């Protein structure tokens, strides 16, 4: 996915915007799992959080790339 967003004359790549959105979603998921005590069953919580972040980031890239080529479907 290529392209930028113009924010008051500063061009910000879509990848950074999706990275920030993925960080927010991952934070919400992490807080929800911590509230229910899920991390008692996880061997390495930081590694688990990183894996969830990678999954969410991949899902964002996949969904936004489908939107770009929606005319083919």
PDB file of N, CA and C in Angstrom:
ATOM      1  N   UNK A   1       0.843  -1.160   0.000  1.00  0.00           N
ATOM      2  CA  UNK A   1       0.000   0.000   0.000  1.00  0.00           C
ATOM      3  C   UNK A   1       0.897   1.234   0.000  1.00  0.00           C
ATOM      4  N   UNK A   2       0.716   2.067  -0.976  1.00  0.00           N
ATOM      5  CA  UNK A   2       1.495   3.293  -1.050  1.00  0.00           C
ATOM      6  C   UNK A   2       0.561   4.473  -0.885  1.00  0.00           C
ATOM      7  N   UNK A   3       1.108   5.571  -0.490  1.00  0.00           N
ATOM      8  CA  UNK A   3       0.314   6.773  -0.348  1.00  0.00           C
ATOM      9  C   UNK A   3       0.572   7.438   0.986  1.00  0.00           C
ATOM     10  N   UNK A   4       0.145   8.655   1.043  1.00  0.00           N
ATOM     11  CA  UNK A   4       0.336   9.436   2.251  1.00  0.00           C
ATOM     12  C   UNK A   4      -0.945  10.181   2.591  1.00  0.00           C
ATOM     13  N   UNK A   5      -0.978  10.676   3.810  1.00  0.00           N
ATOM     14  CA  UNK A   5      -2.054  11.537   4.264  1.00  0.00           C
ATOM     15  C   UNK A   5      -1.435  12.890   4.559  1.00  0.00           C
ATOM     16  N   UNK A   6      -2.038  13.934   4.039  1.00  0.00           N
ATOM     17  CA  UNK A   6      -1.533  15.274   4.256  1.00  0.00           C
ATOM     18  C   UNK A   6      -2.163  15.840   5.530  1.00  0.00           C
ATOM     19  N   UNK A   7      -1.347  16.070   6.550  1.00  0.00           N
ATOM     20  CA  UNK A   7      -1.813  16.640   7.812  1.00  0.00           C
ATOM     21  C   UNK A   7      -1.111  17.979   7.991  1.00  0.00           C
ATOM     22  N   UNK A   8      -1.805  19.045   7.659  1.00  0.00           N
ATOM     23  CA  UNK A   8      -1.271  20.405   7.776  1.00  0.00           C
ATOM     24  C   UNK A   8       0.082  20.551   7.081  1.00  0.00           C
ATOM     25  N   UNK A   9       0.196  20.000   5.892  1.00  0.00           N
ATOM     26  CA  UNK A   9       1.416  20.136   5.116  1.00  0.00           C
ATOM     27  C   UNK A   9       2.470  19.083   5.385  1.00  0.00           C
ATOM     28  N   UNK A  10       2.220  18.192   6.333  1.00  0.00           N
ATOM     29  CA  UNK A  10       3.162  17.111   6.638  1.00  0.00           C
ATOM     30  C   UNK A  10       2.573  15.815   6.091  1.00  0.00           C
ATOM     31  N   UNK A  11       3.323  15.162   5.241  1.00  0.00           N
ATOM     32  CA  UNK A  11       2.858  13.913   4.652  1.00  0.00           C
ATOM     33  C   UNK A  11       3.227  12.744   5.566  1.00  0.00           C
ATOM     34  N   UNK A  12       2.196  12.003   5.982  1.00  0.00           N
ATOM     35  CA  UNK A  12       2.380  10.867   6.886  1.00  0.00           C
ATOM     36  C   UNK A  12       2.010   9.599   6.117  1.00  0.00           C
ATOM     37  N   UNK A  13       2.911   8.614   6.057  1.00  0.00           N
ATOM     38  CA  UNK A  13       2.612   7.369   5.340  1.00  0.00           C
ATOM     39  C   UNK A  13       1.495   6.573   6.022  1.00  0.00           C
ATOM     40  N   UNK A  14       0.749   5.843   5.211  1.00  0.00           N
ATOM     41  CA  UNK A  14      -0.338   5.020   5.736  1.00  0.00           C
ATOM     42  C   UNK A  14       0.168   3.975   6.721  1.00  0.00           C
ATOM     43  N   UNK A  15       1.375   3.482   6.498  1.00  0.00           N
ATOM     44  CA  UNK A  15       1.928   2.457   7.392  1.00  0.00           C
ATOM     45  C   UNK A  15       2.045   2.945   8.825  1.00  0.00           C
ATOM     46  N   UNK A  16       2.423   4.194   9.005  1.00  0.00           N
ATOM     47  CA  UNK A  16       2.544   4.741  10.363  1.00  0.00           C
ATOM     48  C   UNK A  16       1.168   4.914  10.997  1.00  0.00           C
ATOM     49  N   UNK A  17       0.199   5.325  10.204  1.00  0.00           N
ATOM     50  CA  UNK A  17      -1.163   5.484  10.729  1.00  0.00           C
ATOM     51  C   UNK A  17      -1.716   4.134  11.157  1.00  0.00           C
ATOM     52  N   UNK A  18      -1.496   3.105  10.339  1.00  0.00           N
ATOM     53  CA  UNK A  18      -1.975   1.775  10.711  1.00  0.00           C
ATOM     54  C   UNK A  18      -1.198   1.217  11.895  1.00  0.00           C
ATOM     55  N   UNK A  19       0.089   1.544  12.002  1.00  0.00           N
ATOM     56  CA  UNK A  19       0.884   1.108  13.141  1.00  0.00           C
ATOM     57  C   UNK A  19       0.308   1.689  14.444  1.00  0.00           C
ATOM     58  N   UNK A  20      -0.026   2.967  14.437  1.00  0.00           N
ATOM     59  CA  UNK A  20      -0.596   3.589  15.630  1.00  0.00           C
ATOM     60  C   UNK A  20      -1.965   3.010  15.958  1.00  0.00           C
ATOM     61  N   UNK A  21      -2.766   2.745  14.939  1.00  0.00           N
ATOM     62  CA  UNK A  21      -4.079   2.139  15.170  1.00  0.00           C
ATOM     63  C   UNK A  21      -3.925   0.723  15.730  1.00  0.00           C
ATOM     64  N   UNK A  22      -2.968  -0.032  15.201  1.00  0.00           N
ATOM     65  CA  UNK A  22      -2.734  -1.393  15.695  1.00  0.00           C
ATOM     66  C   UNK A  22      -2.240  -1.377  17.138  1.00  0.00           C
ATOM     67  N   UNK A  23      -1.427  -0.375  17.483  1.00  0.00           N
ATOM     68  CA  UNK A  23      -0.970  -0.261  18.867  1.00  0.00           C
ATOM     69  C   UNK A  23      -2.144  -0.002  19.811  1.00  0.00           C
ATOM     70  N   UNK A  24      -3.073   0.849  19.386  1.00  0.00           N
ATOM     71  CA  UNK A  24      -4.250   1.126  20.207  1.00  0.00           C
ATOM     72  C   UNK A  24      -5.137  -0.088  20.379  1.00  0.00           C
ATOM     73  N   UNK A  25      -5.377  -0.808  19.290  1.00  0.00           N
ATOM     74  CA  UNK A  25      -6.217  -2.007  19.367  1.00  0.00           C
ATOM     75  C   UNK A  25      -5.543  -3.076  20.225  1.00  0.00           C
ATOM     76  N   UNK A  26      -4.229  -3.215  20.065  1.00  0.00           N
ATOM     77  CA  UNK A  26      -3.495  -4.190  20.864  1.00  0.00           C
ATOM     78  C   UNK A  26      -3.555  -3.837  22.346  1.00  0.00           C
ATOM     79  N   UNK A  27      -3.470  -2.555  22.648  1.00  0.00           N
ATOM     80  CA  UNK A  27      -3.560  -2.113  24.047  1.00  0.00           C
ATOM     81  C   UNK A  27      -4.933  -2.455  24.634  1.00  0.00           C
ATOM     82  N   UNK A  28      -5.986  -2.255  23.856  1.00  0.00           N
ATOM     83  CA  UNK A  28      -7.329  -2.603  24.331  1.00  0.00           C
ATOM     84  C   UNK A  28      -7.469  -4.109  24.552  1.00  0.00           C
ATOM     85  N   UNK A  29      -6.945  -4.901  23.633  1.00  0.00           N
ATOM     86  CA  UNK A  29      -6.998  -6.358  23.778  1.00  0.00           C
ATOM     87  C   UNK A  29      -6.207  -6.789  25.010  1.00  0.00           C
ATOM     88  N   UNK A  30      -5.034  -6.210  25.211  1.00  0.00           N
ATOM     89  CA  UNK A  30      -4.190  -6.557  26.348  1.00  0.00           C
ATOM     90  C   UNK A  30      -4.881  -6.224  27.675  1.00  0.00           C
ATOM     91  N   UNK A  31      -5.487  -5.059  27.735  1.00  0.00           N
ATOM     92  CA  UNK A  31      -6.198  -4.685  28.970  1.00  0.00           C
ATOM     93  C   UNK A  31      -7.381  -5.611  29.236  1.00  0.00           C
ATOM     94  N   UNK A  32      -8.086  -5.980  28.166  1.00  0.00           N
ATOM     95  CA  UNK A  32      -9.208  -6.902  28.332  1.00  0.00           C
ATOM     96  C   UNK A  32      -8.759  -8.276  28.817  1.00  0.00           C
ATOM     97  N   UNK A  33      -7.667  -8.774  28.251  1.00  0.00           N
ATOM     98  CA  UNK A  33      -7.155 -10.073  28.681  1.00  0.00           C
ATOM     99  C   UNK A  33      -6.625 -10.023  30.113  1.00  0.00           C
ATOM    100  N   UNK A  34      -6.004  -8.902  30.486  1.00  0.00           N
ATOM    101  CA  UNK A  34      -5.499  -8.766  31.856  1.00  0.00           C
ATOM    102  C   UNK A  34      -6.655  -8.682  32.855  1.00  0.00           C
ATOM    103  N   UNK A  35      -7.722  -8.050  32.451  1.00  0.00           N
ATOM    104  CA  UNK A  35      -8.882  -7.926  33.345  1.00  0.00           C
ATOM    105  C   UNK A  35      -9.482  -9.296  33.671  1.00  0.00           C
ATOM    106  N   UNK A  36      -9.485 -10.198  32.694  1.00  0.00           N
ATOM    107  CA  UNK A  36     -10.041 -11.528  32.916  1.00  0.00           C
ATOM    108  C   UNK A  36      -9.017 -12.521  33.436  1.00  0.00           C
ATOM    109  N   UNK A  37      -7.788 -12.097  33.681  1.00  0.00           N
ATOM    110  CA  UNK A  37      -6.779 -12.971  34.257  1.00  0.00           C
ATOM    111  C   UNK A  37      -6.162 -13.954  33.286  1.00  0.00           C
ATOM    112  N   UNK A  38      -6.177 -13.627  32.007  1.00  0.00           N
ATOM    113  CA  UNK A  38      -5.645 -14.536  30.996  1.00  0.00           C
ATOM    114  C   UNK A  38      -4.137 -14.687  31.098  1.00  0.00           C
ATOM    115  N   UNK A  39      -3.446 -13.652  31.558  1.00  0.00           N
ATOM    116  CA  UNK A  39      -1.983 -13.668  31.576  1.00  0.00           C
ATOM    117  C   UNK A  39      -1.410 -14.631  32.618  1.00  0.00           C
ATOM    118  N   UNK A  40      -2.231 -15.173  33.480  1.00  0.00           N
ATOM    119  CA  UNK A  40      -1.747 -16.214  34.403  1.00  0.00           C
ATOM    120  C   UNK A  40      -1.381 -17.482  33.657  1.00  0.00           C
ATOM    121  N   UNK A  41      -1.965 -17.673  32.484  1.00  0.00           N
ATOM    122  CA  UNK A  41      -1.747 -18.886  31.703  1.00  0.00           C
ATOM    123  C   UNK A  41      -0.740 -18.697  30.567  1.00  0.00           C
ATOM    124  N   UNK A  42      -0.184 -17.496  30.448  1.00  0.00           N
ATOM    125  CA  UNK A  42       0.752 -17.184  29.368  1.00  0.00           C
ATOM    126  C   UNK A  42       2.164 -17.249  29.922  1.00  0.00           C
ATOM    127  N   UNK A  43       3.056 -17.910  29.180  1.00  0.00           N
ATOM    128  CA  UNK A  43       4.424 -18.093  29.652  1.00  0.00           C
ATOM    129  C   UNK A  43       5.196 -16.778  29.663  1.00  0.00           C
ATOM    130  N   UNK A  44       5.071 -15.984  28.603  1.00  0.00           N
ATOM    131  CA  UNK A  44       5.828 -14.741  28.473  1.00  0.00           C
ATOM    132  C   UNK A  44       4.871 -13.653  27.977  1.00  0.00           C
ATOM    133  N   UNK A  45       4.297 -12.863  28.889  1.00  0.00           N
ATOM    134  CA  UNK A  45       3.274 -11.880  28.486  1.00  0.00           C
ATOM    135  C   UNK A  45       3.750 -10.853  27.461  1.00  0.00           C
ATOM    136  N   UNK A  46       4.990 -10.389  27.563  1.00  0.00           N
ATOM    137  CA  UNK A  46       5.469  -9.393  26.594  1.00  0.00           C
ATOM    138  C   UNK A  46       5.569  -9.997  25.196  1.00  0.00           C
ATOM    139  N   UNK A  47       6.026 -11.223  25.105  1.00  0.00           N
ATOM    140  CA  UNK A  47       6.107 -11.897  23.814  1.00  0.00           C
ATOM    141  C   UNK A  47       4.717 -12.149  23.247  1.00  0.00           C
ATOM    142  N   UNK A  48       3.788 -12.511  24.120  1.00  0.00           N
ATOM    143  CA  UNK A  48       2.401 -12.717  23.692  1.00  0.00           C
ATOM    144  C   UNK A  48       1.808 -11.416  23.169  1.00  0.00           C
ATOM    145  N   UNK A  49       2.056 -10.297  23.857  1.00  0.00           N
ATOM    146  CA  UNK A  49       1.549  -8.997  23.406  1.00  0.00           C
ATOM    147  C   UNK A  49       2.142  -8.612  22.054  1.00  0.00           C
ATOM    148  N   UNK A  50       3.424  -8.894  21.859  1.00  0.00           N
ATOM    149  CA  UNK A  50       4.049  -8.607  20.574  1.00  0.00           C
ATOM    150  C   UNK A  50       3.423  -9.446  19.463  1.00  0.00           C
ATOM    151  N   UNK A  51       3.134 -10.714  19.746  1.00  0.00           N
ATOM    152  CA  UNK A  51       2.508 -11.580  18.745  1.00  0.00           C
ATOM    153  C   UNK A  51       1.107 -11.071  18.398  1.00  0.00           C
ATOM    154  N   UNK A  52       0.359 -10.613  19.391  1.00  0.00           N
ATOM    155  CA  UNK A  52      -0.970 -10.055  19.133  1.00  0.00           C
ATOM    156  C   UNK A  52      -0.838  -8.790  18.282  1.00  0.00           C
ATOM    157  N   UNK A  53       0.168  -7.959  18.568  1.00  0.00           N
ATOM    158  CA  UNK A  53       0.391  -6.760  17.772  1.00  0.00           C
ATOM    159  C   UNK A  53       0.686  -7.105  16.318  1.00  0.00           C
ATOM    160  N   UNK A  54       1.525  -8.103  16.089  1.00  0.00           N
ATOM    161  CA  UNK A  54       1.861  -8.504  14.715  1.00  0.00           C
ATOM    162  C   UNK A  54       0.619  -9.013  13.992  1.00  0.00           C
ATOM    163  N   UNK A  55      -0.224  -9.758  14.679  1.00  0.00           N
ATOM    164  CA  UNK A  55      -1.458 -10.271  14.072  1.00  0.00           C
ATOM    165  C   UNK A  55      -2.400  -9.123  13.716  1.00  0.00           C
ATOM    166  N   UNK A  56      -2.568  -8.173  14.640  1.00  0.00           N
ATOM    167  CA  UNK A  56      -3.459  -7.038  14.391  1.00  0.00           C
ATOM    168  C   UNK A  56      -2.911  -6.176  13.257  1.00  0.00           C
ATOM    169  N   UNK A  57      -1.607  -5.932  13.252  1.00  0.00           N
ATOM    170  CA  UNK A  57      -0.996  -5.128  12.194  1.00  0.00           C
ATOM    171  C   UNK A  57      -1.152  -5.816  10.843  1.00  0.00           C
ATOM    172  N   UNK A  58      -0.946  -7.111  10.791  1.00  0.00           N
ATOM    173  CA  UNK A  58      -1.145  -7.853   9.549  1.00  0.00           C
ATOM    174  C   UNK A  58      -2.581  -7.807   9.072  1.00  0.00           C
ATOM    175  N   UNK A  59      -3.518  -7.883  10.012  1.00  0.00           N
ATOM    176  CA  UNK A  59      -4.930  -7.801   9.653  1.00  0.00           C
ATOM    177  C   UNK A  59      -5.272  -6.430   9.084  1.00  0.00           C
ATOM    178  N   UNK A  60      -4.723  -5.362   9.673  1.00  0.00           N
ATOM    179  CA  UNK A  60      -4.960  -4.016   9.144  1.00  0.00           C
ATOM    180  C   UNK A  60      -4.411  -3.881   7.733  1.00  0.00           C
ATOM    181  N   UNK A  61      -3.185  -4.322   7.506  1.00  0.00           N
ATOM    182  CA  UNK A  61      -2.606  -4.233   6.168  1.00  0.00           C
ATOM    183  C   UNK A  61      -3.409  -5.046   5.170  1.00  0.00           C
ATOM    184  N   UNK A  62      -3.869  -6.230   5.574  1.00  0.00           N
ATOM    185  CA  UNK A  62      -4.659  -7.065   4.680  1.00  0.00           C
ATOM    186  C   UNK A  62      -5.994  -6.403   4.348  1.00  0.00           C
ATOM    187  N   UNK A  63      -6.683  -5.890   5.358  1.00  0.00           N
ATOM    188  CA  UNK A  63      -7.994  -5.282   5.119  1.00  0.00           C
ATOM    189  C   UNK A  63      -7.894  -4.015   4.281  1.00  0.00           C
ATOM    190  N   UNK A  64      -6.902  -3.188   4.529  1.00  0.00           N
ATOM    191  CA  UNK A  64      -6.781  -1.962   3.748  1.00  0.00           C
ATOM    192  C   UNK A  64      -6.262  -2.223   2.343  1.00  0.00           C
ATOM    193  N   UNK A  65      -5.520  -3.292   2.145  1.00  0.00           N
ATOM    194  CA  UNK A  65      -5.094  -3.611   0.788  1.00  0.00           C
ATOM    195  C   UNK A  65      -6.262  -4.186  -0.014  1.00  0.00           C
ATOM    196  N   UNK A  66      -7.184  -4.880   0.626  1.00  0.00           N
ATOM    197  CA  UNK A  66      -8.385  -5.357  -0.062  1.00  0.00           C
ATOM    198  C   UNK A  66      -9.248  -4.185  -0.486  1.00  0.00           C
ATOM    199  N   UNK A  67      -9.321  -3.162   0.339  1.00  0.00           N
ATOM    200  CA  UNK A  67     -10.130  -1.988   0.024  1.00  0.00           C
ATOM    201  C   UNK A  67      -9.595  -1.281  -1.219  1.00  0.00           C
ATOM    202  N   UNK A  68      -8.295  -1.303  -1.381  1.00  0.00           N
ATOM    203  CA  UNK A  68      -7.676  -0.634  -2.524  1.00  0.00           C
ATOM    204  C   UNK A  68      -8.033  -1.339  -3.827  1.00  0.00           C
ATOM    205  N   UNK A  69      -8.140  -2.660  -3.807  1.00  0.00           N
ATOM    206  CA  UNK A  69      -8.437  -3.425  -5.006  1.00  0.00           C
ATOM    207  C   UNK A  69      -9.876  -3.934  -5.017  1.00  0.00           C
ATOM    208  N   UNK A  70     -10.786  -3.189  -4.430  1.00  0.00           N
ATOM    209  CA  UNK A  70     -12.165  -3.662  -4.308  1.00  0.00           C
ATOM    210  C   UNK A  70     -12.882  -3.711  -5.647  1.00  0.00           C
ATOM    211  N   UNK A  71     -12.391  -3.007  -6.663  1.00  0.00           N
ATOM    212  CA  UNK A  71     -13.068  -3.021  -7.959  1.00  0.00           C
ATOM    213  C   UNK A  71     -12.925  -4.372  -8.635  1.00  0.00           C
ATOM    214  N   UNK A  72     -11.961  -5.202  -8.234  1.00  0.00           N
ATOM    215  CA  UNK A  72     -11.754  -6.492  -8.877  1.00  0.00           C
ATOM    216  C   UNK A  72     -12.688  -7.566  -8.334  1.00  0.00           C
ATOM    217  N   UNK A  73     -13.368  -7.279  -7.227  1.00  0.00           N
ATOM    218  CA  UNK A  73     -14.223  -8.310  -6.628  1.00  0.00           C
ATOM    219  C   UNK A  73     -15.683  -8.046  -6.865  1.00  0.00           C
TER     220      UNK A  73
END
